[in-house]
Structure formats: structure tokens, C-alpha cells
Amino acid sequence: MTDKVMFWLGVEFTHFCIAAKLQNLIDAEFFAVIDITEKAKKFFKTQKIVNFKKSWYFFDSVKPSKNNVDFDYLEHFEKKYGINLWRLAINERIFYRFYDFHRFTTHEICSILEQECKLFEKILDEVQPDFLITGVTNLHHNHLFYEICKARGIKVLTIRNSFFAGKYIISSDFHSINNMQSKDKFHFSSLVEIQNYWKKHSTISTSHSGKFLASKTDYLKAILKFLFSSNTNTKTHYTYYGRSKFAVLKGTIFSIIKKRRRESFINKNLIGDIKNKKPIIYFPLPAEPQRTTLIQAPNYTNQIDVITTIVK
């Protein structure tokens, strides 16, 4: 039988390009759930590069509804797949404390969850794919699809950056490496050699962002492009609700002010040079919102509470 491969396609085109390459290498039927904005949708509607047998546009099917929520269905769904829907939703950056443009009600969140669950079950019942190819899940809905596929026994292949240039990790789980295969043989005799290799091959670079953010001309161009561009996503995508141009500009100004105030506080109050010889525990604070402090660690989303607990 011909394999059926499901792709989750998002704002970056990595997995679309993988599909384009794979269709020339394997005999399989390709399907896609497409999670993109309205402008990018035009490309997928007309593209002839990848022959998807069928595709679904996520935001065409999922919108907050005023209709009654079928809580019996949601309860049955949780038991069927072993997925805690509310824990997943409360760790969604759009529903949680990080989204200032729209306050989602409990009813809105539950109606979104119901539509997502029914959509994903409908898609998987129809296709019955053998594989899911996806990237790292950062929002609740693509993570929900990932979890449903795993629960159904579908082989999941997640593709993520290894932080070394030209090296990627493919595995069934975000936090493990299923199979170590590499043409390179690594032999390091000291920590210094490892650090030098990291500096040479690391994909982490701040040079581009630093130059762009330092350029007032580029910054002004971006603002003007934003102000005079058309945007229908505020009506079609619940992840854009409330994001009017005025609200975004106001939020950006407030963020700049907050950043400067916090930077001033840190420079005045935090220790910059630890002079004592006693051992210390270093707890780095990742920027929020991040997957690492939401979906990945649903019970530890408040970093200050986590640090307080460690100290206790």
C-alpha cells in the first residue's frame, strides 16, 4: 500500500520544502494542515510545486463561537486520548497572560477547543495517515494535533534545529534523539576544543538582529510598511483578535518603556561581580513567552515561584 504522509505547514516554509523534495524521492500520498495567515494562503491556493492530495486551512474551520459547548464530547475526548485539554489551553500564550489585545472568555476557549478536536478527528479519520511530519509545536493547537497523532499510533517525525550549522534532529519526541546517525566523527580532548567547535559551527547569531534593531531607518521603514498595509487577519484568525494598528503601536511603545525601566533597575540593583568564593546556583530566566515555560513545563509557568520553591 502507498504510504500517506501528513504535513503540518506553518509560517516558515521548511516543511513545505521538505515535502517538495520528498515527493521526488518516495511513492506516497501527501496531505497537509495549513496554519498560515491570509496573505500566505494565496500562495498555497495557487502553488503547483507540491501535489497535496488534500489540504485543510486551519483558521477556515476554527473560530470562537457563541453556540453551546459540547462538554460531554470534550470529556470523552480527554479520556479517549489521555489529553488534558484545559491544561493545554491555560498554557497557550494567546489565552494566557501574554496576549494583551483580546481577553478570551472561558466559553470562547472551550468553543475553540471543541472545534479543533472535531476538525482534527475528522481529518485523521478521513486520511488515516502513516506519518506526521511537523516542526516544534509552539502553540496549543499544533501541539494538540501532535498529541492526537501520537495517541493514534501515527509515526511522528519532528524536525528541529540542532544549533549546529547544517545539522538537524529528526525524532518522534521533542526532548529525545531516537537514532544517532552522522557522517561526522567527533573527537574532543578538552572543553576548550568543544567550545571552539561550538563557536565555529553554531547557528546562534545576533549580528543580523543587532544591525537591524540598531538601524533607525530600517525601523522606520518597518513601521510605515505596517501602518499602510492591509490586514484581514484580525477578522479571520483568533490569534490576531484585537491587534489593531493603534493597539500594536501602543503596545510596542509600552514595551520599549518597560524594557528601559527594567534595564535601569537591573543596572542599579543587581550584582554584576560576584566576589565571594562560595558555590552558587545560577537560574537563567528565558524570555517570555516561550515554549520552554508553557507547553513544555505546564506546571512551572511562573518562574519566580519556581525560584522561590528552589530557595525554600
C-alpha atoms as a PDB file:
ATOM      1  CA  MET A   1       0.000   0.000   0.000  1.00  0.00           C
ATOM      2  CA  THR A   2       1.080   3.574  -0.658  1.00  0.00           C
ATOM      3  CA  ASP A   3       2.108   5.463   2.471  1.00  0.00           C
ATOM      4  CA  LYS A   4       0.115   8.503   3.488  1.00  0.00           C
ATOM      5  CA  VAL A   5       2.130  11.417   4.846  1.00  0.00           C
ATOM      6  CA  MET A   6       0.529  14.305   6.728  1.00  0.00           C
ATOM      7  CA  PHE A   7       2.378  17.632   6.969  1.00  0.00           C
ATOM      8  CA  TRP A   8       1.739  20.472   9.399  1.00  0.00           C
ATOM      9  CA  LEU A   9       2.660  23.612   7.471  1.00  0.00           C
ATOM     10  CA  GLY A  10       3.177  26.885   9.311  1.00  0.00           C
ATOM     11  CA  VAL A  11       4.583  30.350   8.712  1.00  0.00           C
ATOM     12  CA  GLU A  12       8.055  29.087   7.851  1.00  0.00           C
ATOM     13  CA  PHE A  13       8.381  27.131   4.614  1.00  0.00           C
ATOM     14  CA  THR A  14      10.844  24.487   5.847  1.00  0.00           C
ATOM     15  CA  HIS A  15       8.343  21.642   5.859  1.00  0.00           C
ATOM     16  CA  PHE A  16       6.816  22.714   2.572  1.00  0.00           C
ATOM     17  CA  CYS A  17      10.293  22.483   1.023  1.00  0.00           C
ATOM     18  CA  ILE A  18      10.770  19.048   2.621  1.00  0.00           C
ATOM     19  CA  ALA A  19       7.501  17.927   1.039  1.00  0.00           C
ATOM     20  CA  ALA A  20       8.678  19.237  -2.348  1.00  0.00           C
ATOM     21  CA  LYS A  21      11.882  17.216  -2.054  1.00  0.00           C
ATOM     22  CA  LEU A  22      10.249  14.061  -0.704  1.00  0.00           C
ATOM     23  CA  GLN A  23       7.681  13.810  -3.484  1.00  0.00           C
ATOM     24  CA  ASN A  24      10.564  13.181  -5.882  1.00  0.00           C
ATOM     25  CA  LEU A  25      12.130  10.540  -3.627  1.00  0.00           C
ATOM     26  CA  ILE A  26       9.258   8.398  -2.346  1.00  0.00           C
ATOM     27  CA  ASP A  27       5.983   6.980  -3.612  1.00  0.00           C
ATOM     28  CA  ALA A  28       3.450   8.408  -1.154  1.00  0.00           C
ATOM     29  CA  GLU A  29       0.287  10.460  -0.908  1.00  0.00           C
ATOM     30  CA  PHE A  30       0.796  13.869   0.708  1.00  0.00           C
ATOM     31  CA  PHE A  31      -1.742  15.740   2.831  1.00  0.00           C
ATOM     32  CA  ALA A  32      -1.433  18.995   4.775  1.00  0.00           C
ATOM     33  CA  VAL A  33      -2.937  21.010   7.592  1.00  0.00           C
ATOM     34  CA  ILE A  34      -2.026  24.593   6.722  1.00  0.00           C
ATOM     35  CA  ASP A  35      -1.692  27.059   9.601  1.00  0.00           C
ATOM     36  CA  ILE A  36      -0.937  30.413   7.976  1.00  0.00           C
ATOM     37  CA  THR A  37      -2.187  33.986   7.593  1.00  0.00           C
ATOM     38  CA  GLU A  38      -4.497  35.200   4.827  1.00  0.00           C
ATOM     39  CA  LYS A  39      -1.719  36.621   2.605  1.00  0.00           C
ATOM     40  CA  ALA A  40       0.291  33.398   2.673  1.00  0.00           C
ATOM     41  CA  LYS A  41      -2.884  31.466   1.958  1.00  0.00           C
ATOM     42  CA  LYS A  42      -2.929  32.857  -1.593  1.00  0.00           C
ATOM     43  CA  PHE A  43       0.361  31.091  -2.298  1.00  0.00           C
ATOM     44  CA  PHE A  44      -0.884  27.702  -1.132  1.00  0.00           C
ATOM     45  CA  LYS A  45      -4.109  28.111  -3.099  1.00  0.00           C
ATOM     46  CA  THR A  46      -2.228  28.521  -6.390  1.00  0.00           C
ATOM     47  CA  GLN A  47       1.090  26.687  -5.906  1.00  0.00           C
ATOM     48  CA  LYS A  48       1.923  23.765  -8.214  1.00  0.00           C
ATOM     49  CA  ILE A  49       5.176  22.754  -6.513  1.00  0.00           C
ATOM     50  CA  VAL A  50       3.812  20.078  -4.172  1.00  0.00           C
ATOM     51  CA  ASN A  51       0.922  17.855  -5.157  1.00  0.00           C
ATOM     52  CA  PHE A  52      -1.082  17.585  -1.943  1.00  0.00           C
ATOM     53  CA  LYS A  53      -3.940  15.144  -2.418  1.00  0.00           C
ATOM     54  CA  LYS A  54      -5.949  17.216   0.048  1.00  0.00           C
ATOM     55  CA  SER A  55      -5.268  20.093   2.423  1.00  0.00           C
ATOM     56  CA  TRP A  56      -7.130  21.879   5.188  1.00  0.00           C
ATOM     57  CA  TYR A  57      -6.760  25.533   6.210  1.00  0.00           C
ATOM     58  CA  PHE A  58      -6.895  25.543   9.985  1.00  0.00           C
ATOM     59  CA  PHE A  59      -8.378  29.006  10.503  1.00  0.00           C
ATOM     60  CA  ASP A  60     -11.151  28.396   7.978  1.00  0.00           C
ATOM     61  CA  SER A  61     -12.628  25.837  10.367  1.00  0.00           C
ATOM     62  CA  VAL A  62     -11.847  27.197  13.835  1.00  0.00           C
ATOM     63  CA  LYS A  63     -13.324  30.414  15.215  1.00  0.00           C
ATOM     64  CA  PRO A  64     -14.746  31.340  18.647  1.00  0.00           C
ATOM     65  CA  SER A  65     -18.466  30.580  18.706  1.00  0.00           C
ATOM     66  CA  LYS A  66     -21.398  31.703  20.862  1.00  0.00           C
ATOM     67  CA  ASN A  67     -23.068  28.321  20.463  1.00  0.00           C
ATOM     68  CA  ASN A  68     -23.292  25.962  23.395  1.00  0.00           C
ATOM     69  CA  VAL A  69     -20.142  23.950  24.036  1.00  0.00           C
ATOM     70  CA  ASP A  70     -20.473  20.158  23.983  1.00  0.00           C
ATOM     71  CA  PHE A  71     -18.693  19.424  27.242  1.00  0.00           C
ATOM     72  CA  ASP A  72     -19.674  15.746  27.101  1.00  0.00           C
ATOM     73  CA  TYR A  73     -17.735  15.450  23.840  1.00  0.00           C
ATOM     74  CA  LEU A  74     -14.701  17.225  25.331  1.00  0.00           C
ATOM     75  CA  GLU A  75     -14.754  14.967  28.398  1.00  0.00           C
ATOM     76  CA  HIS A  76     -14.960  11.862  26.219  1.00  0.00           C
ATOM     77  CA  PHE A  77     -12.160  13.213  24.026  1.00  0.00           C
ATOM     78  CA  GLU A  78      -9.848  13.684  27.029  1.00  0.00           C
ATOM     79  CA  LYS A  79     -10.445  10.116  28.208  1.00  0.00           C
ATOM     80  CA  LYS A  80     -10.055   8.705  24.695  1.00  0.00           C
ATOM     81  CA  TYR A  81      -6.645  10.288  24.046  1.00  0.00           C
ATOM     82  CA  GLY A  82      -5.361  10.920  27.574  1.00  0.00           C
ATOM     83  CA  ILE A  83      -5.013  14.649  26.866  1.00  0.00           C
ATOM     84  CA  ASN A  84      -5.729  17.338  29.465  1.00  0.00           C
ATOM     85  CA  LEU A  85      -7.313  19.993  27.258  1.00  0.00           C
ATOM     86  CA  TRP A  86      -7.627  22.709  29.880  1.00  0.00           C
ATOM     87  CA  ARG A  87      -4.018  22.385  30.976  1.00  0.00           C
ATOM     88  CA  LEU A  88      -3.037  22.716  27.324  1.00  0.00           C
ATOM     89  CA  ALA A  89      -5.269  25.774  26.873  1.00  0.00           C
ATOM     90  CA  ILE A  90      -4.183  27.599  30.032  1.00  0.00           C
ATOM     91  CA  ASN A  91      -0.570  27.316  28.833  1.00  0.00           C
ATOM     92  CA  GLU A  92      -1.398  28.825  25.454  1.00  0.00           C
ATOM     93  CA  ARG A  93       0.315  32.224  25.128  1.00  0.00           C
ATOM     94  CA  ILE A  94      -2.707  33.627  23.254  1.00  0.00           C
ATOM     95  CA  PHE A  95      -5.109  32.679  26.060  1.00  0.00           C
ATOM     96  CA  TYR A  96      -2.691  33.241  28.929  1.00  0.00           C
ATOM     97  CA  ARG A  97      -1.278  36.411  30.445  1.00  0.00           C
ATOM     98  CA  PHE A  98       0.960  37.342  27.499  1.00  0.00           C
ATOM     99  CA  TYR A  99      -1.687  38.455  24.997  1.00  0.00           C
ATOM    100  CA  ASP A 100      -2.868  41.994  25.723  1.00  0.00           C
ATOM    101  CA  PHE A 101      -5.037  42.586  22.656  1.00  0.00           C
ATOM    102  CA  HIS A 102      -8.000  40.354  23.498  1.00  0.00           C
ATOM    103  CA  ARG A 103      -9.171  38.658  26.683  1.00  0.00           C
ATOM    104  CA  PHE A 104     -10.601  35.276  25.763  1.00  0.00           C
ATOM    105  CA  THR A 105     -13.521  34.129  27.884  1.00  0.00           C
ATOM    106  CA  THR A 106     -13.778  30.575  29.163  1.00  0.00           C
ATOM    107  CA  HIS A 107     -16.611  29.973  26.700  1.00  0.00           C
ATOM    108  CA  GLU A 108     -14.513  31.223  23.770  1.00  0.00           C
ATOM    109  CA  ILE A 109     -11.600  28.977  24.751  1.00  0.00           C
ATOM    110  CA  CYS A 110     -13.802  25.905  25.151  1.00  0.00           C
ATOM    111  CA  SER A 111     -15.577  26.544  21.841  1.00  0.00           C
ATOM    112  CA  ILE A 112     -12.186  26.790  20.116  1.00  0.00           C
ATOM    113  CA  LEU A 113     -11.055  23.543  21.725  1.00  0.00           C
ATOM    114  CA  GLU A 114     -14.225  21.742  20.655  1.00  0.00           C
ATOM    115  CA  GLN A 115     -13.861  22.854  17.038  1.00  0.00           C
ATOM    116  CA  GLU A 116     -10.168  21.921  16.984  1.00  0.00           C
ATOM    117  CA  CYS A 117     -10.759  18.456  18.389  1.00  0.00           C
ATOM    118  CA  LYS A 118     -13.589  17.719  15.950  1.00  0.00           C
ATOM    119  CA  LEU A 119     -11.595  19.081  13.000  1.00  0.00           C
ATOM    120  CA  PHE A 120      -8.509  17.027  13.819  1.00  0.00           C
ATOM    121  CA  GLU A 121     -10.504  13.844  14.382  1.00  0.00           C
ATOM    122  CA  LYS A 122     -12.333  14.388  11.086  1.00  0.00           C
ATOM    123  CA  ILE A 123      -9.051  14.875   9.197  1.00  0.00           C
ATOM    124  CA  LEU A 124      -7.342  11.853  10.722  1.00  0.00           C
ATOM    125  CA  ASP A 125     -10.413   9.616  10.303  1.00  0.00           C
ATOM    126  CA  GLU A 126     -10.570  10.553   6.634  1.00  0.00           C
ATOM    127  CA  VAL A 127      -6.870  10.259   5.787  1.00  0.00           C
ATOM    128  CA  GLN A 128      -5.613   7.695   8.320  1.00  0.00           C
ATOM    129  CA  PRO A 129      -2.011   8.807   7.721  1.00  0.00           C
ATOM    130  CA  ASP A 130       1.032   6.639   8.359  1.00  0.00           C
ATOM    131  CA  PHE A 131       3.287   9.584   9.177  1.00  0.00           C
ATOM    132  CA  LEU A 132       3.099  13.135  10.517  1.00  0.00           C
ATOM    133  CA  ILE A 133       5.959  15.480   9.627  1.00  0.00           C
ATOM    134  CA  THR A 134       5.996  18.615  11.746  1.00  0.00           C
ATOM    135  CA  GLY A 135       8.233  21.113  13.457  1.00  0.00           C
ATOM    136  CA  VAL A 136       8.449  22.040  17.124  1.00  0.00           C
ATOM    137  CA  THR A 137       4.971  22.830  18.421  1.00  0.00           C
ATOM    138  CA  ASN A 138       4.766  26.300  19.943  1.00  0.00           C
ATOM    139  CA  LEU A 139       1.005  26.836  20.181  1.00  0.00           C
ATOM    140  CA  HIS A 140      -1.664  24.670  21.733  1.00  0.00           C
ATOM    141  CA  HIS A 141      -3.435  23.718  18.513  1.00  0.00           C
ATOM    142  CA  ASN A 142      -0.443  22.260  16.680  1.00  0.00           C
ATOM    143  CA  HIS A 143       0.654  20.524  19.886  1.00  0.00           C
ATOM    144  CA  LEU A 144      -2.864  19.090  20.222  1.00  0.00           C
ATOM    145  CA  PHE A 145      -2.652  17.661  16.697  1.00  0.00           C
ATOM    146  CA  TYR A 146       0.772  16.207  17.538  1.00  0.00           C
ATOM    147  CA  GLU A 147      -0.571  14.538  20.707  1.00  0.00           C
ATOM    148  CA  ILE A 148      -3.622  13.090  18.908  1.00  0.00           C
ATOM    149  CA  CYS A 149      -1.392  11.589  16.219  1.00  0.00           C
ATOM    150  CA  LYS A 150       0.860  10.006  18.841  1.00  0.00           C
ATOM    151  CA  ALA A 151      -2.160   8.608  20.693  1.00  0.00           C
ATOM    152  CA  ARG A 152      -3.443   7.075  17.443  1.00  0.00           C
ATOM    153  CA  GLY A 153      -0.134   5.339  16.790  1.00  0.00           C
ATOM    154  CA  ILE A 154       0.809   7.528  13.834  1.00  0.00           C
ATOM    155  CA  LYS A 155       4.573   7.753  13.346  1.00  0.00           C
ATOM    156  CA  VAL A 156       5.504  11.338  14.197  1.00  0.00           C
ATOM    157  CA  LEU A 157       8.677  12.857  12.780  1.00  0.00           C
ATOM    158  CA  THR A 158       9.574  16.196  14.326  1.00  0.00           C
ATOM    159  CA  ILE A 159      12.326  18.189  12.691  1.00  0.00           C
ATOM    160  CA  ARG A 160      14.237  20.700  14.763  1.00  0.00           C
ATOM    161  CA  ASN A 161      17.447  22.685  14.625  1.00  0.00           C
ATOM    162  CA  SER A 162      20.397  21.109  16.444  1.00  0.00           C
ATOM    163  CA  PHE A 163      22.040  24.540  16.963  1.00  0.00           C
ATOM    164  CA  PHE A 164      24.958  23.398  14.816  1.00  0.00           C
ATOM    165  CA  ALA A 165      25.075  24.769  11.277  1.00  0.00           C
ATOM    166  CA  GLY A 166      23.732  22.262   8.762  1.00  0.00           C
ATOM    167  CA  LYS A 167      22.741  19.750  11.460  1.00  0.00           C
ATOM    168  CA  TYR A 168      19.139  18.859  12.260  1.00  0.00           C
ATOM    169  CA  ILE A 169      17.446  16.400  14.585  1.00  0.00           C
ATOM    170  CA  ILE A 170      14.593  14.145  13.469  1.00  0.00           C
ATOM    171  CA  SER A 171      12.805  12.289  16.244  1.00  0.00           C
ATOM    172  CA  SER A 172       9.374  11.208  17.472  1.00  0.00           C
ATOM    173  CA  ASP A 173       9.696  13.294  20.613  1.00  0.00           C
ATOM    174  CA  PHE A 174      10.875  16.860  21.122  1.00  0.00           C
ATOM    175  CA  HIS A 175      13.149  16.001  24.029  1.00  0.00           C
ATOM    176  CA  SER A 176      14.939  12.890  22.837  1.00  0.00           C
ATOM    177  CA  ILE A 177      17.107  11.632  19.997  1.00  0.00           C
ATOM    178  CA  ASN A 178      15.798   8.320  18.659  1.00  0.00           C
ATOM    179  CA  ASN A 179      18.706   7.429  16.408  1.00  0.00           C
ATOM    180  CA  MET A 180      22.192   8.905  16.319  1.00  0.00           C
ATOM    181  CA  GLN A 181      23.399   8.907  12.724  1.00  0.00           C
ATOM    182  CA  SER A 182      26.073  11.259  11.475  1.00  0.00           C
ATOM    183  CA  LYS A 183      28.816  11.138   8.877  1.00  0.00           C
ATOM    184  CA  ASP A 184      30.992  13.233  11.175  1.00  0.00           C
ATOM    185  CA  LYS A 185      33.123  11.664  13.875  1.00  0.00           C
ATOM    186  CA  PHE A 186      33.686  13.870  16.881  1.00  0.00           C
ATOM    187  CA  HIS A 187      36.813  13.504  18.989  1.00  0.00           C
ATOM    188  CA  PHE A 188      37.373  16.199  21.600  1.00  0.00           C
ATOM    189  CA  SER A 189      40.195  16.038  24.124  1.00  0.00           C
ATOM    190  CA  SER A 190      39.252  19.119  26.133  1.00  0.00           C
ATOM    191  CA  LEU A 191      36.455  21.529  26.958  1.00  0.00           C
ATOM    192  CA  VAL A 192      38.292  24.248  25.040  1.00  0.00           C
ATOM    193  CA  GLU A 193      38.108  22.180  21.835  1.00  0.00           C
ATOM    194  CA  ILE A 194      34.366  21.731  22.306  1.00  0.00           C
ATOM    195  CA  GLN A 195      33.887  25.459  22.884  1.00  0.00           C
ATOM    196  CA  ASN A 196      35.922  26.333  19.786  1.00  0.00           C
ATOM    197  CA  TYR A 197      33.892  23.885  17.674  1.00  0.00           C
ATOM    198  CA  TRP A 198      30.690  25.420  19.031  1.00  0.00           C
ATOM    199  CA  LYS A 199      31.808  28.952  18.145  1.00  0.00           C
ATOM    200  CA  LYS A 200      32.715  27.868  14.622  1.00  0.00           C
ATOM    201  CA  HIS A 201      29.555  25.895  13.829  1.00  0.00           C
ATOM    202  CA  SER A 202      26.872  27.463  15.996  1.00  0.00           C
ATOM    203  CA  THR A 203      23.762  28.736  14.225  1.00  0.00           C
ATOM    204  CA  ILE A 204      23.022  31.209  17.019  1.00  0.00           C
ATOM    205  CA  SER A 205      23.912  34.696  15.885  1.00  0.00           C
ATOM    206  CA  THR A 206      22.806  38.130  16.982  1.00  0.00           C
ATOM    207  CA  SER A 207      24.639  40.021  14.249  1.00  0.00           C
ATOM    208  CA  HIS A 208      21.644  40.370  11.897  1.00  0.00           C
ATOM    209  CA  SER A 209      19.100  41.320  14.551  1.00  0.00           C
ATOM    210  CA  GLY A 210      21.572  43.646  16.192  1.00  0.00           C
ATOM    211  CA  LYS A 211      22.215  45.515  12.937  1.00  0.00           C
ATOM    212  CA  PHE A 212      18.518  45.718  12.084  1.00  0.00           C
ATOM    213  CA  LEU A 213      17.426  46.924  15.510  1.00  0.00           C
ATOM    214  CA  ALA A 214      20.259  49.454  15.526  1.00  0.00           C
ATOM    215  CA  SER A 215      19.152  50.911  12.205  1.00  0.00           C
ATOM    216  CA  LYS A 216      16.618  53.685  12.760  1.00  0.00           C
ATOM    217  CA  THR A 217      15.974  53.843   9.016  1.00  0.00           C
ATOM    218  CA  ASP A 218      15.014  50.168   8.792  1.00  0.00           C
ATOM    219  CA  TYR A 219      12.934  50.524  11.936  1.00  0.00           C
ATOM    220  CA  LEU A 220      11.036  53.480  10.465  1.00  0.00           C
ATOM    221  CA  LYS A 221      10.501  51.625   7.173  1.00  0.00           C
ATOM    222  CA  ALA A 222       9.025  48.678   9.070  1.00  0.00           C
ATOM    223  CA  ILE A 223       6.634  50.994  10.934  1.00  0.00           C
ATOM    224  CA  LEU A 224       5.469  52.695   7.736  1.00  0.00           C
ATOM    225  CA  LYS A 225       5.007  49.362   5.972  1.00  0.00           C
ATOM    226  CA  PHE A 226       2.935  48.144   8.907  1.00  0.00           C
ATOM    227  CA  LEU A 227       0.778  51.287   9.035  1.00  0.00           C
ATOM    228  CA  PHE A 228      -0.068  51.280   5.336  1.00  0.00           C
ATOM    229  CA  SER A 229      -0.529  47.532   4.870  1.00  0.00           C
ATOM    230  CA  SER A 230      -3.906  45.809   4.747  1.00  0.00           C
ATOM    231  CA  ASN A 231      -4.617  43.124   7.322  1.00  0.00           C
ATOM    232  CA  THR A 232      -7.732  40.956   7.449  1.00  0.00           C
ATOM    233  CA  ASN A 233      -6.308  38.511   9.987  1.00  0.00           C
ATOM    234  CA  THR A 234      -7.987  40.402  12.844  1.00  0.00           C
ATOM    235  CA  LYS A 235     -11.316  39.134  11.500  1.00  0.00           C
ATOM    236  CA  THR A 236     -10.349  35.641  10.341  1.00  0.00           C
ATOM    237  CA  HIS A 237      -7.712  34.452  12.850  1.00  0.00           C
ATOM    238  CA  TYR A 238      -8.489  34.365  16.573  1.00  0.00           C
ATOM    239  CA  THR A 239      -4.725  34.635  17.236  1.00  0.00           C
ATOM    240  CA  TYR A 240      -4.959  38.182  15.798  1.00  0.00           C
ATOM    241  CA  TYR A 241      -8.106  39.330  17.613  1.00  0.00           C
ATOM    242  CA  GLY A 242      -7.764  42.888  18.891  1.00  0.00           C
ATOM    243  CA  ARG A 243      -4.498  43.525  17.056  1.00  0.00           C
ATOM    244  CA  SER A 244      -5.500  46.844  15.504  1.00  0.00           C
ATOM    245  CA  LYS A 245      -2.712  49.079  14.253  1.00  0.00           C
ATOM    246  CA  PHE A 246      -3.246  51.502  17.133  1.00  0.00           C
ATOM    247  CA  ALA A 247      -3.185  48.695  19.717  1.00  0.00           C
ATOM    248  CA  VAL A 248       0.029  47.243  18.288  1.00  0.00           C
ATOM    249  CA  LEU A 249       1.775  50.638  18.199  1.00  0.00           C
ATOM    250  CA  LYS A 250       0.677  51.413  21.739  1.00  0.00           C
ATOM    251  CA  GLY A 251       1.876  48.007  22.906  1.00  0.00           C
ATOM    252  CA  THR A 252       5.231  48.487  21.199  1.00  0.00           C
ATOM    253  CA  ILE A 253       5.762  51.879  22.863  1.00  0.00           C
ATOM    254  CA  PHE A 254       4.843  50.491  26.292  1.00  0.00           C
ATOM    255  CA  SER A 255       7.231  47.546  25.744  1.00  0.00           C
ATOM    256  CA  ILE A 256      10.103  49.922  24.963  1.00  0.00           C
ATOM    257  CA  ILE A 257       9.372  51.920  28.116  1.00  0.00           C
ATOM    258  CA  LYS A 258       9.166  48.737  30.233  1.00  0.00           C
ATOM    259  CA  LYS A 259      12.440  47.469  28.810  1.00  0.00           C
ATOM    260  CA  ARG A 260      14.273  50.683  29.682  1.00  0.00           C
ATOM    261  CA  ARG A 261      12.815  50.801  33.197  1.00  0.00           C
ATOM    262  CA  ARG A 262      13.755  47.189  33.857  1.00  0.00           C
ATOM    263  CA  GLU A 263      17.231  47.662  32.434  1.00  0.00           C
ATOM    264  CA  SER A 264      17.712  50.655  34.712  1.00  0.00           C
ATOM    265  CA  PHE A 265      16.510  48.655  37.731  1.00  0.00           C
ATOM    266  CA  ILE A 266      18.866  45.767  36.909  1.00  0.00           C
ATOM    267  CA  ASN A 267      21.875  48.064  36.489  1.00  0.00           C
ATOM    268  CA  LYS A 268      21.159  49.797  39.801  1.00  0.00           C
ATOM    269  CA  ASN A 269      20.246  46.816  41.984  1.00  0.00           C
ATOM    270  CA  LEU A 270      21.676  43.543  40.681  1.00  0.00           C
ATOM    271  CA  ILE A 271      25.150  42.241  41.454  1.00  0.00           C
ATOM    272  CA  GLY A 272      27.433  42.368  38.429  1.00  0.00           C
ATOM    273  CA  ASP A 273      30.558  40.940  40.033  1.00  0.00           C
ATOM    274  CA  ILE A 274      30.365  38.006  42.466  1.00  0.00           C
ATOM    275  CA  LYS A 275      33.444  38.323  44.657  1.00  0.00           C
ATOM    276  CA  ASN A 276      32.906  35.572  47.218  1.00  0.00           C
ATOM    277  CA  LYS A 277      34.237  32.063  46.629  1.00  0.00           C
ATOM    278  CA  LYS A 278      31.127  30.186  47.753  1.00  0.00           C
ATOM    279  CA  PRO A 279      29.292  27.913  45.295  1.00  0.00           C
ATOM    280  CA  ILE A 280      26.202  29.455  43.707  1.00  0.00           C
ATOM    281  CA  ILE A 281      23.140  28.209  41.845  1.00  0.00           C
ATOM    282  CA  TYR A 282      22.568  30.015  38.562  1.00  0.00           C
ATOM    283  CA  PHE A 283      18.982  30.026  37.288  1.00  0.00           C
ATOM    284  CA  PRO A 284      18.790  31.727  33.866  1.00  0.00           C
ATOM    285  CA  LEU A 285      15.444  33.351  33.069  1.00  0.00           C
ATOM    286  CA  PRO A 286      14.298  32.660  29.495  1.00  0.00           C
ATOM    287  CA  ALA A 287      12.396  35.400  27.714  1.00  0.00           C
ATOM    288  CA  GLU A 288       8.627  35.018  27.877  1.00  0.00           C
ATOM    289  CA  PRO A 289       6.509  33.777  26.285  1.00  0.00           C
ATOM    290  CA  GLN A 290       8.463  30.655  25.341  1.00  0.00           C
ATOM    291  CA  ARG A 291       7.561  27.040  24.734  1.00  0.00           C
ATOM    292  CA  THR A 292      10.022  26.015  27.458  1.00  0.00           C
ATOM    293  CA  THR A 293       7.972  27.747  30.152  1.00  0.00           C
ATOM    294  CA  LEU A 294       4.500  26.967  28.761  1.00  0.00           C
ATOM    295  CA  ILE A 295       3.698  23.777  26.806  1.00  0.00           C
ATOM    296  CA  GLN A 296       6.970  22.140  27.787  1.00  0.00           C
ATOM    297  CA  ALA A 297       6.570  22.823  31.529  1.00  0.00           C
ATOM    298  CA  PRO A 298       2.829  23.349  32.145  1.00  0.00           C
ATOM    299  CA  ASN A 299       3.120  23.134  35.948  1.00  0.00           C
ATOM    300  CA  TYR A 300       6.020  25.596  36.222  1.00  0.00           C
ATOM    301  CA  THR A 301       4.982  28.603  34.168  1.00  0.00           C
ATOM    302  CA  ASN A 302       5.700  31.164  36.894  1.00  0.00           C
ATOM    303  CA  GLN A 303       9.476  31.381  37.018  1.00  0.00           C
ATOM    304  CA  ILE A 304       9.561  33.497  40.174  1.00  0.00           C
ATOM    305  CA  ASP A 305       7.528  30.858  42.016  1.00  0.00           C
ATOM    306  CA  VAL A 306       9.875  28.164  40.741  1.00  0.00           C
ATOM    307  CA  ILE A 307      12.910  30.052  42.043  1.00  0.00           C
ATOM    308  CA  THR A 308      11.199  30.669  45.393  1.00  0.00           C
ATOM    309  CA  THR A 309      10.476  26.952  45.692  1.00  0.00           C
ATOM    310  CA  ILE A 310      14.093  26.062  44.890  1.00  0.00           C
ATOM    311  CA  VAL A 311      15.332  28.504  47.526  1.00  0.00           C
ATOM    312  CA  LYS A 312      12.957  27.016  50.119  1.00  0.00           C
END
